[in-house]
Amino acid sequence: MLKNILPENIYNILSERVSFNAINELRIRADKPIVVSVGSGRFFLSDHGLSGNLKEAIFATRIMIEDIIFRASECSIYSVNEQIKKGFLVTTGGVRLGIGGDLIEEEGHIKTMTNFNSINIRIPHEIKNCSLTAFPHILQDETLLNTLVISPPGAGKTTFLRDFICQLSERNYAFNVLVLDERGELDLGGSLGNFADKISFASKKVGFENGIRSLAPNLIVTDELGGQEDIEAVRYSVNCGVNLLASVHSDSIESFLKKPSYSKLIEERIFKRYVLLSMRNGPGTLEGIYNENFARITKY
């Protein structure tokens, strides 16, 4: 899919001199050097591949950015406006473009985004078995424990969720899994196993309510919980007897505990397991698994 949206020269350099399998993010900013994230490192893109020398860097233009977004929209910006006004665009295969520009508001509602000036292209990777260490701590005695995956952006939480769904399928645990794929990143083209249903591009509130009513899941998997509306959706799910595997942005247990919107969920011990990921040894580094009292139950 990247071949269809990137400028030919950029695509050729990345595919021939870097390898997309190694790339996590591609940052393209108007009148700035193109930056490539590989593992936990960041490099400038040059005609020769990756470089630490600014003088060798390829600089992006606003026209380049507009062209990438136009191609990613399959030549119809209007058709993907609902995504764009939320600041992102997802292509076939789960490649996500975070978009920067000018938001246009009317009466407190975002209508669209114009004057695009930056793109963060996040390239998804399927890392087989990355959830296996945590798997027996989340699924115990045929029971799924409500679990929250905590990590900073880009540290592998989406990859972890995706792999856990696949592990359930491969081990023939026939739980009905509802994947609420709000940003279209969880499913890499049929990668969710044999027992998963999917609702894409809906808010957590709408997805939880409609999905529970129509698809009767045993487990809901969703990425990147945010504000109070998402918290209430979690509480609604648990009160309906549906288990939950979700993720949230935070760089440590300590910083997560300081998030005021999660205080009630923490007090009520809604989540029985917390999985902490980091970038310490590259994306997906497992730092620890904790119980509902935040006592570490594994050592790494």
C-alpha atoms as a PDB file:
ATOM      1  CA  MET A   1       0.000   0.000   0.000  1.00  0.00           C
ATOM      2  CA  LEU A   2       2.873   2.409   0.763  1.00  0.00           C
ATOM      3  CA  LYS A   3       3.982   2.133  -2.847  1.00  0.00           C
ATOM      4  CA  ASN A   4       0.674   3.680  -3.850  1.00  0.00           C
ATOM      5  CA  ILE A   5       0.897   6.697  -1.557  1.00  0.00           C
ATOM      6  CA  LEU A   6       4.569   7.675  -1.239  1.00  0.00           C
ATOM      7  CA  PRO A   7       6.539   9.602  -3.872  1.00  0.00           C
ATOM      8  CA  GLU A   8       8.383   7.110  -6.075  1.00  0.00           C
ATOM      9  CA  ASN A   9      11.867   8.265  -5.052  1.00  0.00           C
ATOM     10  CA  ILE A  10      11.023   8.075  -1.328  1.00  0.00           C
ATOM     11  CA  TYR A  11       9.479   4.630  -1.674  1.00  0.00           C
ATOM     12  CA  ASN A  12      12.461   3.292  -3.632  1.00  0.00           C
ATOM     13  CA  ILE A  13      14.986   4.528  -1.063  1.00  0.00           C
ATOM     14  CA  LEU A  14      13.028   3.036   1.833  1.00  0.00           C
ATOM     15  CA  SER A  15      12.405  -0.316   0.155  1.00  0.00           C
ATOM     16  CA  GLU A  16      15.898  -0.759  -1.321  1.00  0.00           C
ATOM     17  CA  ARG A  17      18.153   0.817   1.303  1.00  0.00           C
ATOM     18  CA  VAL A  18      16.209   0.595   4.582  1.00  0.00           C
ATOM     19  CA  SER A  19      13.427  -2.088   4.492  1.00  0.00           C
ATOM     20  CA  PHE A  20       9.895  -1.396   5.606  1.00  0.00           C
ATOM     21  CA  ASN A  21      10.101  -4.348   8.006  1.00  0.00           C
ATOM     22  CA  ALA A  22      12.453  -2.270  10.171  1.00  0.00           C
ATOM     23  CA  ILE A  23      10.562   1.029  10.052  1.00  0.00           C
ATOM     24  CA  ASN A  24       8.111   2.051  12.779  1.00  0.00           C
ATOM     25  CA  GLU A  25       7.314   5.614  11.751  1.00  0.00           C
ATOM     26  CA  LEU A  26       7.950   8.015   8.927  1.00  0.00           C
ATOM     27  CA  ARG A  27       7.677  11.723   9.823  1.00  0.00           C
ATOM     28  CA  ILE A  28       7.110  14.066   6.896  1.00  0.00           C
ATOM     29  CA  ARG A  29       6.914  17.788   7.735  1.00  0.00           C
ATOM     30  CA  ALA A  30       6.663  20.704   5.325  1.00  0.00           C
ATOM     31  CA  ASP A  31      10.060  22.292   4.690  1.00  0.00           C
ATOM     32  CA  LYS A  32      11.699  19.955   7.234  1.00  0.00           C
ATOM     33  CA  PRO A  33      13.913  16.865   6.896  1.00  0.00           C
ATOM     34  CA  ILE A  34      12.112  13.520   6.587  1.00  0.00           C
ATOM     35  CA  VAL A  35      12.703  11.505   9.779  1.00  0.00           C
ATOM     36  CA  VAL A  36      12.574   7.705   9.964  1.00  0.00           C
ATOM     37  CA  SER A  37      12.092   5.805  13.243  1.00  0.00           C
ATOM     38  CA  VAL A  38      13.813   2.432  13.314  1.00  0.00           C
ATOM     39  CA  GLY A  39      13.632   0.545  16.612  1.00  0.00           C
ATOM     40  CA  SER A  40      14.206   3.188  19.274  1.00  0.00           C
ATOM     41  CA  GLY A  41      16.384   5.361  16.997  1.00  0.00           C
ATOM     42  CA  ARG A  42      15.532   8.262  14.691  1.00  0.00           C
ATOM     43  CA  PHE A  43      17.404   9.093  11.496  1.00  0.00           C
ATOM     44  CA  PHE A  44      17.187  11.489   8.578  1.00  0.00           C
ATOM     45  CA  LEU A  45      16.248  10.014   5.226  1.00  0.00           C
ATOM     46  CA  SER A  46      18.896  10.636   2.566  1.00  0.00           C
ATOM     47  CA  ASP A  47      19.426   9.536  -1.019  1.00  0.00           C
ATOM     48  CA  HIS A  48      21.664   6.790   0.367  1.00  0.00           C
ATOM     49  CA  GLY A  49      19.283   5.536   3.063  1.00  0.00           C
ATOM     50  CA  LEU A  50      19.425   6.562   6.713  1.00  0.00           C
ATOM     51  CA  SER A  51      21.770   9.275   7.931  1.00  0.00           C
ATOM     52  CA  GLY A  52      22.584  11.226  11.064  1.00  0.00           C
ATOM     53  CA  ASN A  53      23.808  14.133   8.988  1.00  0.00           C
ATOM     54  CA  LEU A  54      21.286  16.925   8.451  1.00  0.00           C
ATOM     55  CA  LYS A  55      23.170  18.087   5.348  1.00  0.00           C
ATOM     56  CA  GLU A  56      22.333  14.752   3.638  1.00  0.00           C
ATOM     57  CA  ALA A  57      18.648  14.803   4.573  1.00  0.00           C
ATOM     58  CA  ILE A  58      15.801  14.897   2.063  1.00  0.00           C
ATOM     59  CA  PHE A  59      13.440  17.786   2.853  1.00  0.00           C
ATOM     60  CA  ALA A  60       9.687  17.436   2.406  1.00  0.00           C
ATOM     61  CA  THR A  61       7.440  20.000   0.766  1.00  0.00           C
ATOM     62  CA  ARG A  62       3.834  20.941   1.377  1.00  0.00           C
ATOM     63  CA  ILE A  63       2.989  19.694  -2.131  1.00  0.00           C
ATOM     64  CA  MET A  64       4.496  16.301  -1.247  1.00  0.00           C
ATOM     65  CA  ILE A  65       2.327  16.120   1.866  1.00  0.00           C
ATOM     66  CA  GLU A  66      -0.853  17.079   0.021  1.00  0.00           C
ATOM     67  CA  ASP A  67      -0.111  14.504  -2.668  1.00  0.00           C
ATOM     68  CA  ILE A  68       0.413  11.709  -0.120  1.00  0.00           C
ATOM     69  CA  ILE A  69      -2.890  12.495   1.596  1.00  0.00           C
ATOM     70  CA  PHE A  70      -4.700  12.699  -1.740  1.00  0.00           C
ATOM     71  CA  ARG A  71      -3.353   9.288  -2.777  1.00  0.00           C
ATOM     72  CA  ALA A  72      -4.124   7.756   0.629  1.00  0.00           C
ATOM     73  CA  SER A  73      -7.729   8.960   0.277  1.00  0.00           C
ATOM     74  CA  GLU A  74      -7.912   7.102  -3.069  1.00  0.00           C
ATOM     75  CA  CYS A  75      -8.264  10.466  -4.803  1.00  0.00           C
ATOM     76  CA  SER A  76     -11.270  11.582  -2.759  1.00  0.00           C
ATOM     77  CA  ILE A  77     -10.497  13.749   0.261  1.00  0.00           C
ATOM     78  CA  TYR A  78     -14.232  14.304   0.792  1.00  0.00           C
ATOM     79  CA  SER A  79     -14.906  10.570   1.223  1.00  0.00           C
ATOM     80  CA  VAL A  80     -12.497  10.333   4.183  1.00  0.00           C
ATOM     81  CA  ASN A  81     -13.317  13.686   5.790  1.00  0.00           C
ATOM     82  CA  GLU A  82     -14.754  12.008   8.910  1.00  0.00           C
ATOM     83  CA  GLN A  83     -11.321  10.503   9.548  1.00  0.00           C
ATOM     84  CA  ILE A  84      -9.346  13.578   8.544  1.00  0.00           C
ATOM     85  CA  LYS A  85     -11.209  15.885  10.892  1.00  0.00           C
ATOM     86  CA  LYS A  86     -10.164  13.551  13.714  1.00  0.00           C
ATOM     87  CA  GLY A  87      -6.564  13.991  12.622  1.00  0.00           C
ATOM     88  CA  PHE A  88      -5.820  10.698  10.941  1.00  0.00           C
ATOM     89  CA  LEU A  89      -6.352   8.580   7.859  1.00  0.00           C
ATOM     90  CA  VAL A  90      -6.075   4.787   7.685  1.00  0.00           C
ATOM     91  CA  THR A  91      -5.237   2.977   4.476  1.00  0.00           C
ATOM     92  CA  THR A  92      -5.769  -0.625   3.433  1.00  0.00           C
ATOM     93  CA  GLY A  93      -3.498  -2.850   5.509  1.00  0.00           C
ATOM     94  CA  GLY A  94      -3.709  -0.755   8.668  1.00  0.00           C
ATOM     95  CA  VAL A  95      -1.155   1.914   7.730  1.00  0.00           C
ATOM     96  CA  ARG A  96      -2.137   5.013   9.706  1.00  0.00           C
ATOM     97  CA  LEU A  97      -1.399   8.579   8.706  1.00  0.00           C
ATOM     98  CA  GLY A  98      -1.548  11.073  11.544  1.00  0.00           C
ATOM     99  CA  ILE A  99      -2.176  14.460   9.945  1.00  0.00           C
ATOM    100  CA  GLY A 100      -1.290  17.985  11.039  1.00  0.00           C
ATOM    101  CA  GLY A 101      -2.922  21.105   9.614  1.00  0.00           C
ATOM    102  CA  ASP A 102      -5.538  23.776  10.294  1.00  0.00           C
ATOM    103  CA  LEU A 103      -8.753  22.573  11.926  1.00  0.00           C
ATOM    104  CA  ILE A 104     -11.904  24.360  10.802  1.00  0.00           C
ATOM    105  CA  GLU A 105     -14.555  24.683  13.520  1.00  0.00           C
ATOM    106  CA  GLU A 106     -18.153  25.847  13.358  1.00  0.00           C
ATOM    107  CA  GLU A 107     -20.215  26.289  16.515  1.00  0.00           C
ATOM    108  CA  GLY A 108     -17.827  24.136  18.509  1.00  0.00           C
ATOM    109  CA  HIS A 109     -17.762  21.266  15.998  1.00  0.00           C
ATOM    110  CA  ILE A 110     -14.805  20.362  13.799  1.00  0.00           C
ATOM    111  CA  LYS A 111     -15.862  20.471  10.148  1.00  0.00           C
ATOM    112  CA  THR A 112     -12.624  19.550   8.396  1.00  0.00           C
ATOM    113  CA  MET A 113      -8.868  20.103   8.239  1.00  0.00           C
ATOM    114  CA  THR A 114      -7.047  22.188   5.651  1.00  0.00           C
ATOM    115  CA  ASN A 115      -3.517  23.412   4.925  1.00  0.00           C
ATOM    116  CA  PHE A 116      -1.929  20.061   5.687  1.00  0.00           C
ATOM    117  CA  ASN A 117       1.613  20.569   6.992  1.00  0.00           C
ATOM    118  CA  SER A 118       2.768  17.248   8.437  1.00  0.00           C
ATOM    119  CA  ILE A 119       2.203  13.510   8.301  1.00  0.00           C
ATOM    120  CA  ASN A 120       3.200  10.784  10.731  1.00  0.00           C
ATOM    121  CA  ILE A 121       3.011   7.472   8.877  1.00  0.00           C
ATOM    122  CA  ARG A 122       2.881   4.615  11.362  1.00  0.00           C
ATOM    123  CA  ILE A 123       3.773   1.309   9.753  1.00  0.00           C
ATOM    124  CA  PRO A 124       2.175  -1.662  11.544  1.00  0.00           C
ATOM    125  CA  HIS A 125       4.083  -4.880  12.094  1.00  0.00           C
ATOM    126  CA  GLU A 126       2.781  -8.280  13.049  1.00  0.00           C
ATOM    127  CA  ILE A 127       5.117  -9.562  15.766  1.00  0.00           C
ATOM    128  CA  LYS A 128       4.136 -13.162  16.242  1.00  0.00           C
ATOM    129  CA  ASN A 129       3.879 -14.408  19.845  1.00  0.00           C
ATOM    130  CA  CYS A 130       4.624 -11.028  21.433  1.00  0.00           C
ATOM    131  CA  SER A 131       1.739 -11.500  23.901  1.00  0.00           C
ATOM    132  CA  LEU A 132       2.640 -15.045  24.932  1.00  0.00           C
ATOM    133  CA  THR A 133       4.463 -14.136  28.144  1.00  0.00           C
ATOM    134  CA  ALA A 134       1.417 -12.262  29.387  1.00  0.00           C
ATOM    135  CA  PHE A 135      -1.124 -14.723  27.949  1.00  0.00           C
ATOM    136  CA  PRO A 136      -1.373 -17.127  30.950  1.00  0.00           C
ATOM    137  CA  HIS A 137      -1.694 -14.181  33.339  1.00  0.00           C
ATOM    138  CA  ILE A 138      -4.683 -12.782  31.403  1.00  0.00           C
ATOM    139  CA  LEU A 139      -6.436 -16.084  30.663  1.00  0.00           C
ATOM    140  CA  GLN A 140      -6.642 -18.179  33.828  1.00  0.00           C
ATOM    141  CA  ASP A 141      -8.754 -21.298  34.359  1.00  0.00           C
ATOM    142  CA  GLU A 142     -10.672 -20.570  31.147  1.00  0.00           C
ATOM    143  CA  THR A 143     -11.495 -17.100  32.486  1.00  0.00           C
ATOM    144  CA  LEU A 144     -10.468 -13.864  30.792  1.00  0.00           C
ATOM    145  CA  LEU A 145      -9.334 -11.182  33.235  1.00  0.00           C
ATOM    146  CA  ASN A 146     -10.028  -7.538  32.411  1.00  0.00           C
ATOM    147  CA  THR A 147      -6.666  -6.206  31.267  1.00  0.00           C
ATOM    148  CA  LEU A 148      -5.239  -2.775  30.450  1.00  0.00           C
ATOM    149  CA  VAL A 149      -2.068  -2.489  28.377  1.00  0.00           C
ATOM    150  CA  ILE A 150      -0.076   0.616  29.327  1.00  0.00           C
ATOM    151  CA  SER A 151       2.580   2.057  27.034  1.00  0.00           C
ATOM    152  CA  PRO A 152       3.852   5.296  25.511  1.00  0.00           C
ATOM    153  CA  PRO A 153       2.929   5.981  21.868  1.00  0.00           C
ATOM    154  CA  GLY A 154       4.636   3.651  19.409  1.00  0.00           C
ATOM    155  CA  ALA A 155       5.684   1.089  22.026  1.00  0.00           C
ATOM    156  CA  GLY A 156       3.707  -1.849  20.641  1.00  0.00           C
ATOM    157  CA  LYS A 157       0.383  -1.864  22.439  1.00  0.00           C
ATOM    158  CA  THR A 158      -1.659  -2.282  19.231  1.00  0.00           C
ATOM    159  CA  THR A 159       0.635  -5.108  18.136  1.00  0.00           C
ATOM    160  CA  PHE A 160       0.156  -6.763  21.539  1.00  0.00           C
ATOM    161  CA  LEU A 161      -3.643  -6.576  21.301  1.00  0.00           C
ATOM    162  CA  ARG A 162      -3.644  -7.973  17.782  1.00  0.00           C
ATOM    163  CA  ASP A 163      -1.397 -10.884  18.730  1.00  0.00           C
ATOM    164  CA  PHE A 164      -3.486 -11.738  21.800  1.00  0.00           C
ATOM    165  CA  ILE A 165      -6.606 -12.047  19.637  1.00  0.00           C
ATOM    166  CA  CYS A 166      -4.725 -14.366  17.282  1.00  0.00           C
ATOM    167  CA  GLN A 167      -3.383 -16.461  20.168  1.00  0.00           C
ATOM    168  CA  LEU A 168      -6.933 -17.082  21.393  1.00  0.00           C
ATOM    169  CA  SER A 169      -7.900 -18.305  17.926  1.00  0.00           C
ATOM    170  CA  GLU A 170      -4.820 -20.481  17.443  1.00  0.00           C
ATOM    171  CA  ARG A 171      -5.449 -22.191  20.786  1.00  0.00           C
ATOM    172  CA  ASN A 172      -9.097 -22.694  19.835  1.00  0.00           C
ATOM    173  CA  TYR A 173     -10.516 -20.607  22.659  1.00  0.00           C
ATOM    174  CA  ALA A 174     -13.854 -19.930  21.027  1.00  0.00           C
ATOM    175  CA  PHE A 175     -14.649 -16.739  22.902  1.00  0.00           C
ATOM    176  CA  ASN A 176     -16.733 -14.326  20.869  1.00  0.00           C
ATOM    177  CA  VAL A 177     -14.336 -11.402  20.485  1.00  0.00           C
ATOM    178  CA  LEU A 178     -15.561  -7.965  19.480  1.00  0.00           C
ATOM    179  CA  VAL A 179     -12.777  -5.762  18.111  1.00  0.00           C
ATOM    180  CA  LEU A 180     -13.631  -2.067  18.337  1.00  0.00           C
ATOM    181  CA  ASP A 181     -11.183  -0.737  15.780  1.00  0.00           C
ATOM    182  CA  GLU A 182     -11.829   2.985  16.145  1.00  0.00           C
ATOM    183  CA  ARG A 183      -8.855   4.008  14.006  1.00  0.00           C
ATOM    184  CA  GLY A 184      -8.718   1.014  11.668  1.00  0.00           C
ATOM    185  CA  GLU A 185      -5.305  -0.160  12.935  1.00  0.00           C
ATOM    186  CA  LEU A 186      -6.010  -3.458  14.664  1.00  0.00           C
ATOM    187  CA  ASP A 187      -6.898  -5.610  11.682  1.00  0.00           C
ATOM    188  CA  LEU A 188      -4.080  -6.073   9.173  1.00  0.00           C
ATOM    189  CA  GLY A 189      -6.287  -7.578   6.514  1.00  0.00           C
ATOM    190  CA  GLY A 190      -7.849 -10.634   8.122  1.00  0.00           C
ATOM    191  CA  SER A 191      -5.319 -10.974  10.942  1.00  0.00           C
ATOM    192  CA  LEU A 192      -7.801 -11.400  13.780  1.00  0.00           C
ATOM    193  CA  GLY A 193      -8.346 -15.153  13.779  1.00  0.00           C
ATOM    194  CA  ASN A 194     -11.515 -17.205  13.578  1.00  0.00           C
ATOM    195  CA  PHE A 195     -13.695 -15.899  16.409  1.00  0.00           C
ATOM    196  CA  ALA A 196     -13.566 -12.124  16.055  1.00  0.00           C
ATOM    197  CA  ASP A 197     -16.191  -9.638  14.909  1.00  0.00           C
ATOM    198  CA  LYS A 198     -15.183  -6.073  14.116  1.00  0.00           C
ATOM    199  CA  ILE A 199     -16.695  -2.608  14.288  1.00  0.00           C
ATOM    200  CA  SER A 200     -14.492   0.067  12.741  1.00  0.00           C
ATOM    201  CA  PHE A 201     -14.359   3.882  12.875  1.00  0.00           C
ATOM    202  CA  ALA A 202     -17.003   4.228  15.583  1.00  0.00           C
ATOM    203  CA  SER A 203     -16.555   5.986  18.908  1.00  0.00           C
ATOM    204  CA  LYS A 204     -16.054   3.804  21.962  1.00  0.00           C
ATOM    205  CA  LYS A 205     -19.502   4.754  23.254  1.00  0.00           C
ATOM    206  CA  VAL A 206     -21.306   3.792  20.053  1.00  0.00           C
ATOM    207  CA  GLY A 207     -19.155   0.714  19.470  1.00  0.00           C
ATOM    208  CA  PHE A 208     -19.594  -0.686  22.975  1.00  0.00           C
ATOM    209  CA  GLU A 209     -23.348  -0.125  23.095  1.00  0.00           C
ATOM    210  CA  ASN A 210     -24.142  -1.358  19.583  1.00  0.00           C
ATOM    211  CA  GLY A 211     -21.632  -4.199  19.676  1.00  0.00           C
ATOM    212  CA  ILE A 212     -22.834  -5.646  22.973  1.00  0.00           C
ATOM    213  CA  ARG A 213     -26.447  -5.421  21.884  1.00  0.00           C
ATOM    214  CA  SER A 214     -25.989  -6.895  18.409  1.00  0.00           C
ATOM    215  CA  LEU A 215     -23.005  -9.268  18.643  1.00  0.00           C
ATOM    216  CA  ALA A 216     -23.109 -10.546  22.260  1.00  0.00           C
ATOM    217  CA  PRO A 217     -19.338 -10.702  22.786  1.00  0.00           C
ATOM    218  CA  ASN A 218     -17.502 -12.454  25.596  1.00  0.00           C
ATOM    219  CA  LEU A 219     -14.516 -10.147  25.171  1.00  0.00           C
ATOM    220  CA  ILE A 220     -14.135  -6.635  23.788  1.00  0.00           C
ATOM    221  CA  VAL A 221     -10.716  -5.564  22.539  1.00  0.00           C
ATOM    222  CA  THR A 222     -10.125  -1.876  21.894  1.00  0.00           C
ATOM    223  CA  ASP A 223      -7.157   0.444  21.543  1.00  0.00           C
ATOM    224  CA  GLU A 224      -6.267   3.762  23.166  1.00  0.00           C
ATOM    225  CA  LEU A 225      -8.827   4.596  25.818  1.00  0.00           C
ATOM    226  CA  GLY A 226      -9.121   8.339  26.201  1.00  0.00           C
ATOM    227  CA  GLY A 227     -11.456  10.645  28.084  1.00  0.00           C
ATOM    228  CA  GLN A 228     -14.464  10.266  30.329  1.00  0.00           C
ATOM    229  CA  GLU A 229     -16.759   8.976  27.587  1.00  0.00           C
ATOM    230  CA  ASP A 230     -14.401   6.036  27.016  1.00  0.00           C
ATOM    231  CA  ILE A 231     -14.259   5.375  30.767  1.00  0.00           C
ATOM    232  CA  GLU A 232     -18.039   5.190  30.920  1.00  0.00           C
ATOM    233  CA  ALA A 233     -18.036   2.807  27.953  1.00  0.00           C
ATOM    234  CA  VAL A 234     -15.663   0.546  29.905  1.00  0.00           C
ATOM    235  CA  ARG A 235     -17.940   0.617  32.928  1.00  0.00           C
ATOM    236  CA  TYR A 236     -20.966  -0.143  30.724  1.00  0.00           C
ATOM    237  CA  SER A 237     -19.183  -3.158  29.233  1.00  0.00           C
ATOM    238  CA  VAL A 238     -18.177  -4.596  32.598  1.00  0.00           C
ATOM    239  CA  ASN A 239     -21.677  -4.072  34.017  1.00  0.00           C
ATOM    240  CA  CYS A 240     -23.011  -6.068  31.052  1.00  0.00           C
ATOM    241  CA  GLY A 241     -20.750  -8.975  31.996  1.00  0.00           C
ATOM    242  CA  VAL A 242     -18.380  -8.533  29.058  1.00  0.00           C
ATOM    243  CA  ASN A 243     -14.640  -8.849  29.614  1.00  0.00           C
ATOM    244  CA  LEU A 244     -12.247  -6.217  28.324  1.00  0.00           C
ATOM    245  CA  LEU A 245      -8.755  -5.987  26.868  1.00  0.00           C
ATOM    246  CA  ALA A 246      -7.788  -2.373  26.181  1.00  0.00           C
ATOM    247  CA  SER A 247      -4.826  -0.017  26.058  1.00  0.00           C
ATOM    248  CA  VAL A 248      -3.930   3.458  27.256  1.00  0.00           C
ATOM    249  CA  HIS A 249      -1.089   5.897  26.706  1.00  0.00           C
ATOM    250  CA  SER A 250       1.269   6.315  29.657  1.00  0.00           C
ATOM    251  CA  ASP A 251       4.983   5.786  30.143  1.00  0.00           C
ATOM    252  CA  SER A 252       4.888   4.164  33.592  1.00  0.00           C
ATOM    253  CA  ILE A 253       2.598   2.796  36.279  1.00  0.00           C
ATOM    254  CA  GLU A 254       3.303   5.906  38.353  1.00  0.00           C
ATOM    255  CA  SER A 255       2.194   8.298  35.608  1.00  0.00           C
ATOM    256  CA  PHE A 256      -0.876   6.183  34.869  1.00  0.00           C
ATOM    257  CA  LEU A 257      -1.929   6.364  38.522  1.00  0.00           C
ATOM    258  CA  LYS A 258      -1.857  10.150  38.271  1.00  0.00           C
ATOM    259  CA  LYS A 259      -4.489  10.228  35.511  1.00  0.00           C
ATOM    260  CA  PRO A 260      -7.572  11.615  37.306  1.00  0.00           C
ATOM    261  CA  SER A 261     -10.094  10.191  34.838  1.00  0.00           C
ATOM    262  CA  TYR A 262      -9.030   6.622  35.731  1.00  0.00           C
ATOM    263  CA  SER A 263      -9.194   6.991  39.518  1.00  0.00           C
ATOM    264  CA  LYS A 264     -12.656   5.413  39.833  1.00  0.00           C
ATOM    265  CA  LEU A 265     -11.762   2.444  37.635  1.00  0.00           C
ATOM    266  CA  ILE A 266      -8.645   1.936  39.724  1.00  0.00           C
ATOM    267  CA  GLU A 267     -10.558   2.198  43.009  1.00  0.00           C
ATOM    268  CA  GLU A 268     -13.223  -0.210  41.766  1.00  0.00           C
ATOM    269  CA  ARG A 269     -10.499  -2.616  40.570  1.00  0.00           C
ATOM    270  CA  ILE A 270     -12.194  -2.961  37.192  1.00  0.00           C
ATOM    271  CA  PHE A 271      -8.954  -4.173  35.635  1.00  0.00           C
ATOM    272  CA  LYS A 272      -7.424  -7.277  37.171  1.00  0.00           C
ATOM    273  CA  ARG A 273      -4.225  -7.131  35.105  1.00  0.00           C
ATOM    274  CA  TYR A 274      -2.008  -4.301  33.896  1.00  0.00           C
ATOM    275  CA  VAL A 275       0.628  -4.971  31.225  1.00  0.00           C
ATOM    276  CA  LEU A 276       3.379  -2.344  30.975  1.00  0.00           C
ATOM    277  CA  LEU A 277       5.282  -1.953  27.683  1.00  0.00           C
ATOM    278  CA  SER A 278       8.135   0.376  26.800  1.00  0.00           C
ATOM    279  CA  MET A 279      10.637   1.262  24.073  1.00  0.00           C
ATOM    280  CA  ARG A 280      13.650   0.376  26.237  1.00  0.00           C
ATOM    281  CA  ASN A 281      14.807  -2.472  23.993  1.00  0.00           C
ATOM    282  CA  GLY A 282      12.706  -1.415  21.018  1.00  0.00           C
ATOM    283  CA  PRO A 283       8.895  -1.387  20.630  1.00  0.00           C
ATOM    284  CA  GLY A 284       7.048  -3.983  22.681  1.00  0.00           C
ATOM    285  CA  THR A 285       9.569  -4.338  25.521  1.00  0.00           C
ATOM    286  CA  LEU A 286       7.634  -6.006  28.349  1.00  0.00           C
ATOM    287  CA  GLU A 287       8.441  -4.208  31.593  1.00  0.00           C
ATOM    288  CA  GLY A 288       6.045  -6.008  33.899  1.00  0.00           C
ATOM    289  CA  ILE A 289       2.620  -7.476  34.598  1.00  0.00           C
ATOM    290  CA  TYR A 290       0.698  -6.221  37.621  1.00  0.00           C
ATOM    291  CA  ASN A 291      -2.457  -7.251  39.465  1.00  0.00           C
ATOM    292  CA  GLU A 292      -5.403  -5.036  40.414  1.00  0.00           C
ATOM    293  CA  ASN A 293      -3.448  -3.710  43.413  1.00  0.00           C
ATOM    294  CA  PHE A 294      -0.479  -2.839  41.170  1.00  0.00           C
ATOM    295  CA  ALA A 295       1.668  -5.523  42.753  1.00  0.00           C
ATOM    296  CA  ARG A 296       4.124  -6.916  40.204  1.00  0.00           C
ATOM    297  CA  ILE A 297       3.385 -10.573  39.449  1.00  0.00           C
ATOM    298  CA  THR A 298       6.297 -11.098  37.036  1.00  0.00           C
ATOM    299  CA  LYS A 299       9.988 -10.221  37.044  1.00  0.00           C
ATOM    300  CA  TYR A 300      12.008  -9.020  34.054  1.00  0.00           C
END
